């Protein structure tokens, strides 16, 4: 559970820090989703 929260927190940070365009927002959300999927597959 802690790992999922960590991934979500990092994803939100990247989202807020790196998004300058709508395209960038979409890419950041996609990357965060991929990381969450990776964590889910490891369990």
PDB file of N, CA and C in Angstrom:
ATOM      1  N   UNK A   1       0.829  -1.196   0.000  1.00  0.00           N
ATOM      2  CA  UNK A   1       0.000   0.000   0.000  1.00  0.00           C
ATOM      3  C   UNK A   1       0.868   1.252   0.000  1.00  0.00           C
ATOM      4  N   UNK A   2       1.953   1.213   0.767  1.00  0.00           N
ATOM      5  CA  UNK A   2       2.833   2.381   0.823  1.00  0.00           C
ATOM      6  C   UNK A   2       3.465   2.654  -0.532  1.00  0.00           C
ATOM      7  N   UNK A   3       3.786   1.573  -1.268  1.00  0.00           N
ATOM      8  CA  UNK A   3       4.410   1.767  -2.576  1.00  0.00           C
ATOM      9  C   UNK A   3       3.446   2.431  -3.557  1.00  0.00           C
ATOM     10  N   UNK A   4       2.184   2.079  -3.467  1.00  0.00           N
ATOM     11  CA  UNK A   4       1.189   2.694  -4.351  1.00  0.00           C
ATOM     12  C   UNK A   4       1.049   4.177  -4.021  1.00  0.00           C
ATOM     13  N   UNK A   5       1.011   4.502  -2.748  1.00  0.00           N
ATOM     14  CA  UNK A   5       0.908   5.905  -2.350  1.00  0.00           C
ATOM     15  C   UNK A   5       2.146   6.690  -2.770  1.00  0.00           C
ATOM     16  N   UNK A   6       3.300   6.056  -2.686  1.00  0.00           N
ATOM     17  CA  UNK A   6       4.531   6.711  -3.116  1.00  0.00           C
ATOM     18  C   UNK A   6       4.488   7.003  -4.607  1.00  0.00           C
ATOM     19  N   UNK A   7       4.062   6.014  -5.381  1.00  0.00           N
ATOM     20  CA  UNK A   7       3.967   6.190  -6.837  1.00  0.00           C
ATOM     21  C   UNK A   7       2.971   7.300  -7.172  1.00  0.00           C
ATOM     22  N   UNK A   8       1.841   7.300  -6.508  1.00  0.00           N
ATOM     23  CA  UNK A   8       0.837   8.346  -6.757  1.00  0.00           C
ATOM     24  C   UNK A   8       1.377   9.725  -6.396  1.00  0.00           C
ATOM     25  N   UNK A   9       2.072   9.812  -5.280  1.00  0.00           N
ATOM     26  CA  UNK A   9       2.644  11.090  -4.864  1.00  0.00           C
ATOM     27  C   UNK A   9       3.672  11.587  -5.875  1.00  0.00           C
ATOM     28  N   UNK A  10       4.523  10.686  -6.317  1.00  0.00           N
ATOM     29  CA  UNK A  10       5.523  11.069  -7.322  1.00  0.00           C
ATOM     30  C   UNK A  10       4.857  11.479  -8.632  1.00  0.00           C
ATOM     31  N   UNK A  11       3.820  10.743  -8.993  1.00  0.00           N
ATOM     32  CA  UNK A  11       3.090  11.083 -10.216  1.00  0.00           C
ATOM     33  C   UNK A  11       2.466  12.469 -10.141  1.00  0.00           C
ATOM     34  N   UNK A  12       1.891  12.795  -9.011  1.00  0.00           N
ATOM     35  CA  UNK A  12       1.296  14.117  -8.831  1.00  0.00           C
ATOM     36  C   UNK A  12       2.367  15.196  -8.883  1.00  0.00           C
ATOM     37  N   UNK A  13       3.507  14.922  -8.254  1.00  0.00           N
ATOM     38  CA  UNK A  13       4.610  15.890  -8.278  1.00  0.00           C
ATOM     39  C   UNK A  13       5.073  16.133  -9.713  1.00  0.00           C
ATOM     40  N   UNK A  14       5.282  15.064 -10.468  1.00  0.00           N
ATOM     41  CA  UNK A  14       5.714  15.203 -11.862  1.00  0.00           C
ATOM     42  C   UNK A  14       4.655  15.948 -12.668  1.00  0.00           C
ATOM     43  N   UNK A  15       3.417  15.631 -12.410  1.00  0.00           N
ATOM     44  CA  UNK A  15       2.309  16.277 -13.099  1.00  0.00           C
ATOM     45  C   UNK A  15       2.327  17.788 -12.859  1.00  0.00           C
ATOM     46  N   UNK A  16       2.508  18.178 -11.628  1.00  0.00           N
ATOM     47  CA  UNK A  16       2.495  19.601 -11.296  1.00  0.00           C
ATOM     48  C   UNK A  16       3.770  20.308 -11.756  1.00  0.00           C
ATOM     49  N   UNK A  17       4.889  19.624 -11.723  1.00  0.00           N
ATOM     50  CA  UNK A  17       6.168  20.250 -12.032  1.00  0.00           C
ATOM     51  C   UNK A  17       6.444  20.337 -13.528  1.00  0.00           C
ATOM     52  N   UNK A  18       5.961  19.381 -14.309  1.00  0.00           N
ATOM     53  CA  UNK A  18       6.407  19.296 -15.692  1.00  0.00           C
ATOM     54  C   UNK A  18       5.376  19.583 -16.770  1.00  0.00           C
ATOM     55  N   UNK A  19       4.193  19.957 -16.431  1.00  0.00           N
ATOM     56  CA  UNK A  19       3.150  20.122 -17.445  1.00  0.00           C
ATOM     57  C   UNK A  19       3.026  21.576 -17.890  1.00  0.00           C
ATOM     58  N   UNK A  20       3.371  21.823 -19.137  1.00  0.00           N
ATOM     59  CA  UNK A  20       3.219  23.163 -19.680  1.00  0.00           C
ATOM     60  C   UNK A  20       2.149  23.220 -20.757  1.00  0.00           C
ATOM     61  N   UNK A  21       1.768  22.073 -21.281  1.00  0.00           N
ATOM     62  CA  UNK A  21       0.764  22.042 -22.334  1.00  0.00           C
ATOM     63  C   UNK A  21      -0.244  20.946 -22.046  1.00  0.00           C
ATOM     64  N   UNK A  22      -1.324  20.946 -22.764  1.00  0.00           N
ATOM     65  CA  UNK A  22      -2.336  19.899 -22.617  1.00  0.00           C
ATOM     66  C   UNK A  22      -1.741  18.550 -23.010  1.00  0.00           C
ATOM     67  N   UNK A  23      -0.914  18.540 -24.039  1.00  0.00           N
ATOM     68  CA  UNK A  23      -0.254  17.304 -24.460  1.00  0.00           C
ATOM     69  C   UNK A  23       0.637  16.780 -23.338  1.00  0.00           C
ATOM     70  N   UNK A  24       1.353  17.663 -22.675  1.00  0.00           N
ATOM     71  CA  UNK A  24       2.215  17.271 -21.565  1.00  0.00           C
ATOM     72  C   UNK A  24       1.418  16.680 -20.420  1.00  0.00           C
ATOM     73  N   UNK A  25       0.245  17.234 -20.161  1.00  0.00           N
ATOM     74  CA  UNK A  25      -0.621  16.702 -19.109  1.00  0.00           C
ATOM     75  C   UNK A  25      -1.008  15.269 -19.436  1.00  0.00           C
ATOM     76  N   UNK A  26      -1.400  15.032 -20.656  1.00  0.00           N
ATOM     77  CA  UNK A  26      -1.793  13.682 -21.073  1.00  0.00           C
ATOM     78  C   UNK A  26      -0.648  12.690 -20.950  1.00  0.00           C
ATOM     79  N   UNK A  27       0.536  13.104 -21.349  1.00  0.00           N
ATOM     80  CA  UNK A  27       1.700  12.222 -21.249  1.00  0.00           C
ATOM     81  C   UNK A  27       2.031  11.914 -19.796  1.00  0.00           C
ATOM     82  N   UNK A  28       1.955  12.905 -18.942  1.00  0.00           N
ATOM     83  CA  UNK A  28       2.255  12.691 -17.525  1.00  0.00           C
ATOM     84  C   UNK A  28       1.247  11.747 -16.880  1.00  0.00           C
ATOM     85  N   UNK A  29      -0.019  11.905 -17.218  1.00  0.00           N
ATOM     86  CA  UNK A  29      -1.051  11.023 -16.669  1.00  0.00           C
ATOM     87  C   UNK A  29      -0.831   9.592 -17.161  1.00  0.00           C
ATOM     88  N   UNK A  30      -0.467   9.458 -18.419  1.00  0.00           N
ATOM     89  CA  UNK A  30      -0.215   8.130 -18.974  1.00  0.00           C
ATOM     90  C   UNK A  30       0.969   7.463 -18.278  1.00  0.00           C
ATOM     91  N   UNK A  31       2.043   8.199 -18.059  1.00  0.00           N
ATOM     92  CA  UNK A  31       3.215   7.640 -17.381  1.00  0.00           C
ATOM     93  C   UNK A  31       2.885   7.239 -15.953  1.00  0.00           C
ATOM     94  N   UNK A  32       2.105   8.053 -15.256  1.00  0.00           N
ATOM     95  CA  UNK A  32       1.710   7.716 -13.887  1.00  0.00           C
ATOM     96  C   UNK A  32       0.866   6.444 -13.883  1.00  0.00           C
ATOM     97  N   UNK A  33      -0.026   6.312 -14.834  1.00  0.00           N
ATOM     98  CA  UNK A  33      -0.845   5.104 -14.946  1.00  0.00           C
ATOM     99  C   UNK A  33      -0.015   3.868 -15.215  1.00  0.00           C
ATOM    100  N   UNK A  34       1.007   4.009 -16.044  1.00  0.00           N
ATOM    101  CA  UNK A  34       1.884   2.878 -16.333  1.00  0.00           C
ATOM    102  C   UNK A  34       2.642   2.444 -15.083  1.00  0.00           C
ATOM    103  N   UNK A  35       3.090   3.393 -14.294  1.00  0.00           N
ATOM    104  CA  UNK A  35       3.808   3.057 -13.059  1.00  0.00           C
ATOM    105  C   UNK A  35       2.883   2.336 -12.080  1.00  0.00           C
ATOM    106  N   UNK A  36       1.638   2.782 -11.990  1.00  0.00           N
ATOM    107  CA  UNK A  36       0.675   2.136 -11.106  1.00  0.00           C
ATOM    108  C   UNK A  36       0.415   0.702 -11.566  1.00  0.00           C
ATOM    109  N   UNK A  37       0.316   0.500 -12.885  1.00  0.00           N
ATOM    110  CA  UNK A  37       0.123  -0.845 -13.420  1.00  0.00           C
ATOM    111  C   UNK A  37       1.313  -1.737 -13.082  1.00  0.00           C
ATOM    112  N   UNK A  38       2.520  -1.198 -13.201  1.00  0.00           N
ATOM    113  CA  UNK A  38       3.720  -1.966 -12.885  1.00  0.00           C
ATOM    114  C   UNK A  38       3.715  -2.412 -11.427  1.00  0.00           C
ATOM    115  N   UNK A  39       3.321  -1.524 -10.530  1.00  0.00           N
ATOM    116  CA  UNK A  39       3.261  -1.870  -9.107  1.00  0.00           C
ATOM    117  C   UNK A  39       2.212  -2.957  -8.898  1.00  0.00           C
ATOM    118  N   UNK A  40       1.086  -2.859  -9.574  1.00  0.00           N
ATOM    119  CA  UNK A  40       0.033  -3.850  -9.425  1.00  0.00           C
ATOM    120  C   UNK A  40       0.438  -5.211  -9.950  1.00  0.00           C
ATOM    121  N   UNK A  41       1.228  -5.261 -11.013  1.00  0.00           N
ATOM    122  CA  UNK A  41       1.665  -6.538 -11.591  1.00  0.00           C
ATOM    123  C   UNK A  41       2.689  -7.236 -10.699  1.00  0.00           C
ATOM    124  N   UNK A  42       3.435  -6.478  -9.914  1.00  0.00           N
ATOM    125  CA  UNK A  42       4.465  -7.075  -9.063  1.00  0.00           C
ATOM    126  C   UNK A  42       3.870  -7.805  -7.876  1.00  0.00           C
ATOM    127  N   UNK A  43       2.626  -7.505  -7.534  1.00  0.00           N
ATOM    128  CA  UNK A  43       2.012  -8.140  -6.350  1.00  0.00           C
ATOM    129  C   UNK A  43       1.326  -9.417  -6.699  1.00  0.00           C
TER     130      UNK A  43
END
